[in-house]
C-alpha atoms as a PDB file:
ATOM      1  CA  MET A   1      -9.057   3.427  -8.409  1.00  0.00           C
ATOM      2  CA  ASN A   2      -5.342   3.036  -7.861  1.00  0.00           C
ATOM      3  CA  LYS A   3      -3.197   3.597  -4.650  1.00  0.00           C
ATOM      4  CA  LYS A   4      -2.328   7.336  -5.441  1.00  0.00           C
ATOM      5  CA  ASP A   5      -6.149   8.163  -6.042  1.00  0.00           C
ATOM      6  CA  LEU A   6      -7.164   6.653  -2.629  1.00  0.00           C
ATOM      7  CA  MET A   7      -4.353   8.545  -1.120  1.00  0.00           C
ATOM      8  CA  ARG A   8      -5.506  12.049  -2.331  1.00  0.00           C
ATOM      9  CA  MET A   9      -9.245  11.281  -1.076  1.00  0.00           C
ATOM     10  CA  GLU A  10     -11.001  12.196   2.157  1.00  0.00           C
ATOM     11  CA  LEU A  11     -10.438   9.082   4.454  1.00  0.00           C
ATOM     12  CA  ILE A  12     -13.301   9.858   6.552  1.00  0.00           C
ATOM     13  CA  GLY A  13     -16.000   7.633   5.970  1.00  0.00           C
ATOM     14  CA  MET A  14     -14.214   4.842   4.510  1.00  0.00           C
ATOM     15  CA  ASP A  15     -13.943   1.181   5.604  1.00  0.00           C
ATOM     16  CA  THR A  16     -10.470   0.037   6.848  1.00  0.00           C
ATOM     17  CA  GLU A  17      -8.448  -2.977   8.621  1.00  0.00           C
ATOM     18  CA  VAL A  18      -5.064  -2.808  10.241  1.00  0.00           C
ATOM     19  CA  VAL A  19      -3.226  -5.432   8.111  1.00  0.00           C
ATOM     20  CA  SER A  20       0.310  -5.049   9.774  1.00  0.00           C
ATOM     21  CA  ARG A  21       1.345  -7.166  12.628  1.00  0.00           C
ATOM     22  CA  GLY A  22       1.235  -5.499  16.213  1.00  0.00           C
ATOM     23  CA  THR A  23      -1.245  -4.412  18.577  1.00  0.00           C
ATOM     24  CA  PHE A  24      -3.755  -3.225  16.055  1.00  0.00           C
ATOM     25  CA  HIS A  25      -3.818  -6.136  13.638  1.00  0.00           C
ATOM     26  CA  GLY A  26      -7.074  -7.018  12.528  1.00  0.00           C
ATOM     27  CA  MET A  27      -8.677  -4.178  13.845  1.00  0.00           C
ATOM     28  CA  ARG A  28     -11.593  -3.064  11.414  1.00  0.00           C
ATOM     29  CA  GLY A  29     -13.873  -0.090  11.408  1.00  0.00           C
ATOM     30  CA  MET A  30     -14.781   2.979   9.641  1.00  0.00           C
ATOM     31  CA  VAL A  31     -12.631   6.010   9.581  1.00  0.00           C
ATOM     32  CA  VAL A  32     -14.404   8.766  11.710  1.00  0.00           C
ATOM     33  CA  ASP A  33     -11.518  11.303  12.177  1.00  0.00           C
ATOM     34  CA  GLU A  34      -7.765  11.571  10.939  1.00  0.00           C
ATOM     35  CA  THR A  35      -5.127  13.839  12.155  1.00  0.00           C
ATOM     36  CA  ARG A  36      -1.513  14.085  10.862  1.00  0.00           C
ATOM     37  CA  ASN A  37      -0.381  11.116  12.965  1.00  0.00           C
ATOM     38  CA  THR A  38      -3.552   8.942  13.353  1.00  0.00           C
ATOM     39  CA  LEU A  39      -6.641   7.514  12.264  1.00  0.00           C
ATOM     40  CA  VAL A  40      -9.678   7.082  14.559  1.00  0.00           C
ATOM     41  CA  LEU A  41     -11.896   4.228  13.780  1.00  0.00           C
ATOM     42  CA  SER A  42     -15.378   3.547  14.676  1.00  0.00           C
ATOM     43  CA  THR A  43     -15.463  -0.015  15.875  1.00  0.00           C
ATOM     44  CA  PRO A  44     -17.917  -2.348  17.432  1.00  0.00           C
ATOM     45  CA  GLU A  45     -15.863  -1.880  20.448  1.00  0.00           C
ATOM     46  CA  GLY A  46     -16.084   1.959  20.218  1.00  0.00           C
ATOM     47  CA  GLU A  47     -13.662   4.498  18.618  1.00  0.00           C
ATOM     48  CA  ARG A  48     -10.104   3.247  18.601  1.00  0.00           C
ATOM     49  CA  THR A  49      -6.981   5.620  17.920  1.00  0.00           C
ATOM     50  CA  VAL A  50      -4.734   4.085  15.433  1.00  0.00           C
ATOM     51  CA  PRO A  51      -1.229   5.713  14.783  1.00  0.00           C
ATOM     52  CA  LYS A  52      -0.661   5.716  11.108  1.00  0.00           C
ATOM     53  CA  LYS A  53       3.073   5.223  11.597  1.00  0.00           C
ATOM     54  CA  ALA A  54       4.284   1.646  11.717  1.00  0.00           C
ATOM     55  CA  ASN A  55       0.769   0.400  10.594  1.00  0.00           C
ATOM     56  CA  GLU A  56      -0.230  -0.627   7.270  1.00  0.00           C
ATOM     57  CA  PHE A  57      -4.130  -0.151   6.019  1.00  0.00           C
ATOM     58  CA  LEU A  58      -6.405  -1.905   3.773  1.00  0.00           C
ATOM     59  CA  PHE A  59      -8.882   0.448   2.882  1.00  0.00           C
ATOM     60  CA  THR A  60     -12.151  -0.758   0.808  1.00  0.00           C
ATOM     61  CA  TYR A  61     -13.409   1.493  -2.199  1.00  0.00           C
ATOM     62  CA  ASP A  62     -16.327   0.170  -4.499  1.00  0.00           C
ATOM     63  CA  GLU A  63     -15.366  -3.314  -3.111  1.00  0.00           C
ATOM     64  CA  GLN A  64     -11.723  -3.246  -4.139  1.00  0.00           C
ATOM     65  CA  GLY A  65      -9.220  -3.302  -1.223  1.00  0.00           C
ATOM     66  CA  ILE A  66      -6.472  -1.251  -1.379  1.00  0.00           C
ATOM     67  CA  ALA A  67      -3.407  -1.458   1.002  1.00  0.00           C
ATOM     68  CA  ILE A  68      -1.503   1.628   1.999  1.00  0.00           C
ATOM     69  CA  GLN A  69       1.454   2.226   4.522  1.00  0.00           C
ATOM     70  CA  GLY A  70       0.513   4.522   7.232  1.00  0.00           C
ATOM     71  CA  SER A  71       4.111   6.463   6.494  1.00  0.00           C
ATOM     72  CA  GLU A  72       2.648   7.148   3.181  1.00  0.00           C
ATOM     73  CA  ILE A  73      -0.132   9.290   4.411  1.00  0.00           C
ATOM     74  CA  LEU A  74       1.741  10.771   7.449  1.00  0.00           C
ATOM     75  CA  HIS A  75       0.421  14.120   6.619  1.00  0.00           C
ATOM     76  CA  ARG A  76      -2.633  16.466   7.660  1.00  0.00           C
ATOM     77  CA  PRO A  77      -5.337  15.458   6.010  1.00  0.00           C
ATOM     78  CA  GLU A  78      -5.633  18.876   4.204  1.00  0.00           C
ATOM     79  CA  ASP A  79      -1.830  18.740   3.150  1.00  0.00           C
ATOM     80  CA  ARG A  80      -2.154  15.086   2.003  1.00  0.00           C
ATOM     81  CA  ILE A  81      -3.702  15.835  -1.140  1.00  0.00           C
ATOM     82  CA  LYS A  82      -1.081  18.477  -2.117  1.00  0.00           C
ATOM     83  CA  LYS A  83       1.954  16.082  -0.893  1.00  0.00           C
ATOM     84  CA  VAL A  84       0.796  12.812  -2.324  1.00  0.00           C
ATOM     85  CA  ARG A  85       2.048  12.804  -6.101  1.00  0.00           C
END
């Protein structure tokens, strides 16, 4: 699995960690919702909304970690599949 393939997939249900520096650094959870600008993560502390812009996410797929800048997936989920090339 490469980065572009992951960016075309449905992100809901995937485990992720915020790896960028800042307020959300180190937050881990499962993606439970996605909008154009945010990911909603289910964490042990409850659901947290994380902005895509200015954050980097490390998604886990088949025990492989793939880092993606939030600005690269800054599309509505249904449009991301068409726009990511």
